[in-house]
Amino acid sequence: MTDKQNKRYTIVGTDIDEVKEKNAHSGLSYNEVKALIAREKLGFEPSKHSDTDS
């Protein structure tokens, strides 16, 4: 089997594993940015006040 046969693609041809790899190295997530802003601007750690973050 070739490498291309082992890859997963969306209907329009996007390489799913390539997108996941790029996302892993793209920076802060939405929730990480919210936590950073809360710590810097509001002076508290959001995870101590919420049970929605792990």
N, C-alpha and C. Protein backbone atom coordinates (compact mmCIF):
# COMPACT_ATOMS: atom_id res chain seq x y z
N MET A 1 0.84 -1.20 0.00
CA MET A 1 0.00 0.00 0.00
C MET A 1 0.88 1.25 0.00
N THR A 2 0.45 2.22 -0.74
CA THR A 2 1.21 3.46 -0.76
C THR A 2 0.75 4.37 0.36
N ASP A 3 1.55 5.42 0.60
CA ASP A 3 1.22 6.38 1.66
C ASP A 3 -0.13 7.05 1.39
N LYS A 4 -0.43 7.31 0.13
CA LYS A 4 -1.68 7.99 -0.22
C LYS A 4 -2.90 7.13 0.13
N GLN A 5 -2.79 5.81 0.04
CA GLN A 5 -3.89 4.93 0.38
C GLN A 5 -4.17 4.91 1.88
N ASN A 6 -3.17 5.19 2.69
CA ASN A 6 -3.33 5.18 4.14
C ASN A 6 -3.86 6.50 4.69
N LYS A 7 -3.85 7.54 3.89
CA LYS A 7 -4.30 8.86 4.35
C LYS A 7 -5.81 8.97 4.29
N ARG A 8 -6.35 9.84 5.15
CA ARG A 8 -7.79 10.09 5.16
C ARG A 8 -8.03 11.48 4.59
N TYR A 9 -9.02 11.58 3.72
CA TYR A 9 -9.34 12.85 3.07
C TYR A 9 -10.82 13.17 3.24
N THR A 10 -11.14 14.46 3.26
CA THR A 10 -12.54 14.89 3.26
C THR A 10 -13.10 14.72 1.85
N ILE A 11 -14.37 14.96 1.69
CA ILE A 11 -15.02 14.85 0.38
C ILE A 11 -14.36 15.76 -0.65
N VAL A 12 -13.92 16.95 -0.22
CA VAL A 12 -13.32 17.91 -1.16
C VAL A 12 -11.81 17.71 -1.33
N GLY A 13 -11.23 16.70 -0.65
CA GLY A 13 -9.83 16.37 -0.86
C GLY A 13 -8.84 16.89 0.16
N THR A 14 -9.32 17.41 1.29
CA THR A 14 -8.42 17.92 2.33
C THR A 14 -7.84 16.75 3.12
N ASP A 15 -6.54 16.77 3.31
CA ASP A 15 -5.84 15.73 4.08
C ASP A 15 -6.12 15.98 5.57
N ILE A 16 -6.90 15.11 6.19
CA ILE A 16 -7.34 15.28 7.57
C ILE A 16 -6.16 15.28 8.53
N ASP A 17 -5.23 14.35 8.36
CA ASP A 17 -4.08 14.27 9.27
C ASP A 17 -3.17 15.49 9.16
N GLU A 18 -3.04 16.04 7.97
CA GLU A 18 -2.22 17.25 7.79
C GLU A 18 -2.86 18.43 8.53
N VAL A 19 -4.17 18.57 8.45
CA VAL A 19 -4.86 19.66 9.14
C VAL A 19 -4.72 19.51 10.64
N LYS A 20 -4.87 18.30 11.15
CA LYS A 20 -4.71 18.07 12.60
C LYS A 20 -3.30 18.41 13.06
N GLU A 21 -2.30 18.05 12.26
CA GLU A 21 -0.92 18.36 12.60
C GLU A 21 -0.68 19.87 12.63
N LYS A 22 -1.19 20.58 11.64
CA LYS A 22 -1.03 22.04 11.61
C LYS A 22 -1.76 22.70 12.77
N ASN A 23 -2.95 22.22 13.12
CA ASN A 23 -3.70 22.78 14.24
C ASN A 23 -2.97 22.58 15.56
N ALA A 24 -2.30 21.46 15.70
CA ALA A 24 -1.57 21.17 16.94
C ALA A 24 -0.43 22.17 17.18
N HIS A 25 0.06 22.76 16.10
CA HIS A 25 1.19 23.69 16.21
C HIS A 25 0.81 25.13 15.91
N SER A 26 -0.49 25.44 16.00
CA SER A 26 -0.94 26.76 15.55
C SER A 26 -1.04 27.81 16.66
N GLY A 27 -0.87 27.46 17.90
CA GLY A 27 -0.93 28.46 18.96
C GLY A 27 -2.00 28.13 19.99
N LEU A 28 -2.48 29.16 20.66
CA LEU A 28 -3.44 28.98 21.74
C LEU A 28 -4.83 28.62 21.23
N SER A 29 -5.54 27.80 22.01
CA SER A 29 -6.92 27.49 21.69
C SER A 29 -7.82 28.62 22.19
N TYR A 30 -9.07 28.58 21.81
CA TYR A 30 -10.05 29.59 22.24
C TYR A 30 -10.13 29.63 23.77
N ASN A 31 -10.23 28.48 24.42
CA ASN A 31 -10.34 28.45 25.87
C ASN A 31 -9.05 28.89 26.56
N GLU A 32 -7.90 28.61 25.96
CA GLU A 32 -6.64 29.07 26.52
C GLU A 32 -6.54 30.59 26.47
N VAL A 33 -7.03 31.19 25.39
CA VAL A 33 -7.03 32.66 25.28
C VAL A 33 -7.96 33.26 26.32
N LYS A 34 -9.15 32.69 26.50
CA LYS A 34 -10.08 33.20 27.52
C LYS A 34 -9.45 33.14 28.91
N ALA A 35 -8.77 32.05 29.22
CA ALA A 35 -8.14 31.91 30.53
C ALA A 35 -7.01 32.92 30.70
N LEU A 36 -6.23 33.14 29.66
CA LEU A 36 -5.14 34.11 29.71
C LEU A 36 -5.68 35.51 29.97
N ILE A 37 -6.73 35.90 29.26
CA ILE A 37 -7.34 37.22 29.46
C ILE A 37 -7.89 37.35 30.87
N ALA A 38 -8.54 36.31 31.36
CA ALA A 38 -9.10 36.35 32.71
C ALA A 38 -7.99 36.54 33.75
N ARG A 39 -6.89 35.82 33.59
CA ARG A 39 -5.78 35.95 34.54
C ARG A 39 -5.17 37.35 34.50
N GLU A 40 -4.97 37.87 33.30
CA GLU A 40 -4.29 39.15 33.17
C GLU A 40 -5.19 40.34 33.48
N LYS A 41 -6.42 40.31 33.04
CA LYS A 41 -7.31 41.46 33.18
C LYS A 41 -8.18 41.42 34.43
N LEU A 42 -8.63 40.23 34.78
CA LEU A 42 -9.57 40.12 35.90
C LEU A 42 -8.90 39.65 37.18
N GLY A 43 -7.72 39.12 37.08
CA GLY A 43 -6.96 38.74 38.26
C GLY A 43 -7.40 37.45 38.92
N PHE A 44 -7.98 36.51 38.17
CA PHE A 44 -8.32 35.22 38.77
C PHE A 44 -8.14 34.11 37.75
N GLU A 45 -8.08 32.89 38.28
CA GLU A 45 -7.93 31.71 37.46
C GLU A 45 -9.31 31.14 37.17
N PRO A 46 -9.77 31.15 35.89
CA PRO A 46 -11.11 30.71 35.57
C PRO A 46 -11.40 29.26 35.92
N SER A 47 -10.39 28.39 35.88
CA SER A 47 -10.63 26.99 36.18
C SER A 47 -11.05 26.78 37.63
N LYS A 48 -10.71 27.70 38.51
CA LYS A 48 -11.13 27.60 39.91
C LYS A 48 -12.59 27.99 40.08
N HIS A 49 -13.16 28.66 39.09
CA HIS A 49 -14.52 29.16 39.20
C HIS A 49 -15.49 28.48 38.24
N SER A 50 -15.00 27.50 37.47
CA SER A 50 -15.83 26.84 36.47
C SER A 50 -15.54 25.37 36.44
N ASP A 51 -16.59 24.57 36.26
CA ASP A 51 -16.38 23.13 36.12
C ASP A 51 -16.45 22.69 34.67
N THR A 52 -16.43 23.63 33.72
CA THR A 52 -16.51 23.28 32.30
C THR A 52 -15.15 23.05 31.69
N ASP A 53 -14.09 23.57 32.27
CA ASP A 53 -12.73 23.35 31.75
C ASP A 53 -12.10 22.17 32.47
N SER A 54 -11.32 21.42 31.70
CA SER A 54 -10.65 20.28 32.35
C SER A 54 -9.23 20.58 32.68
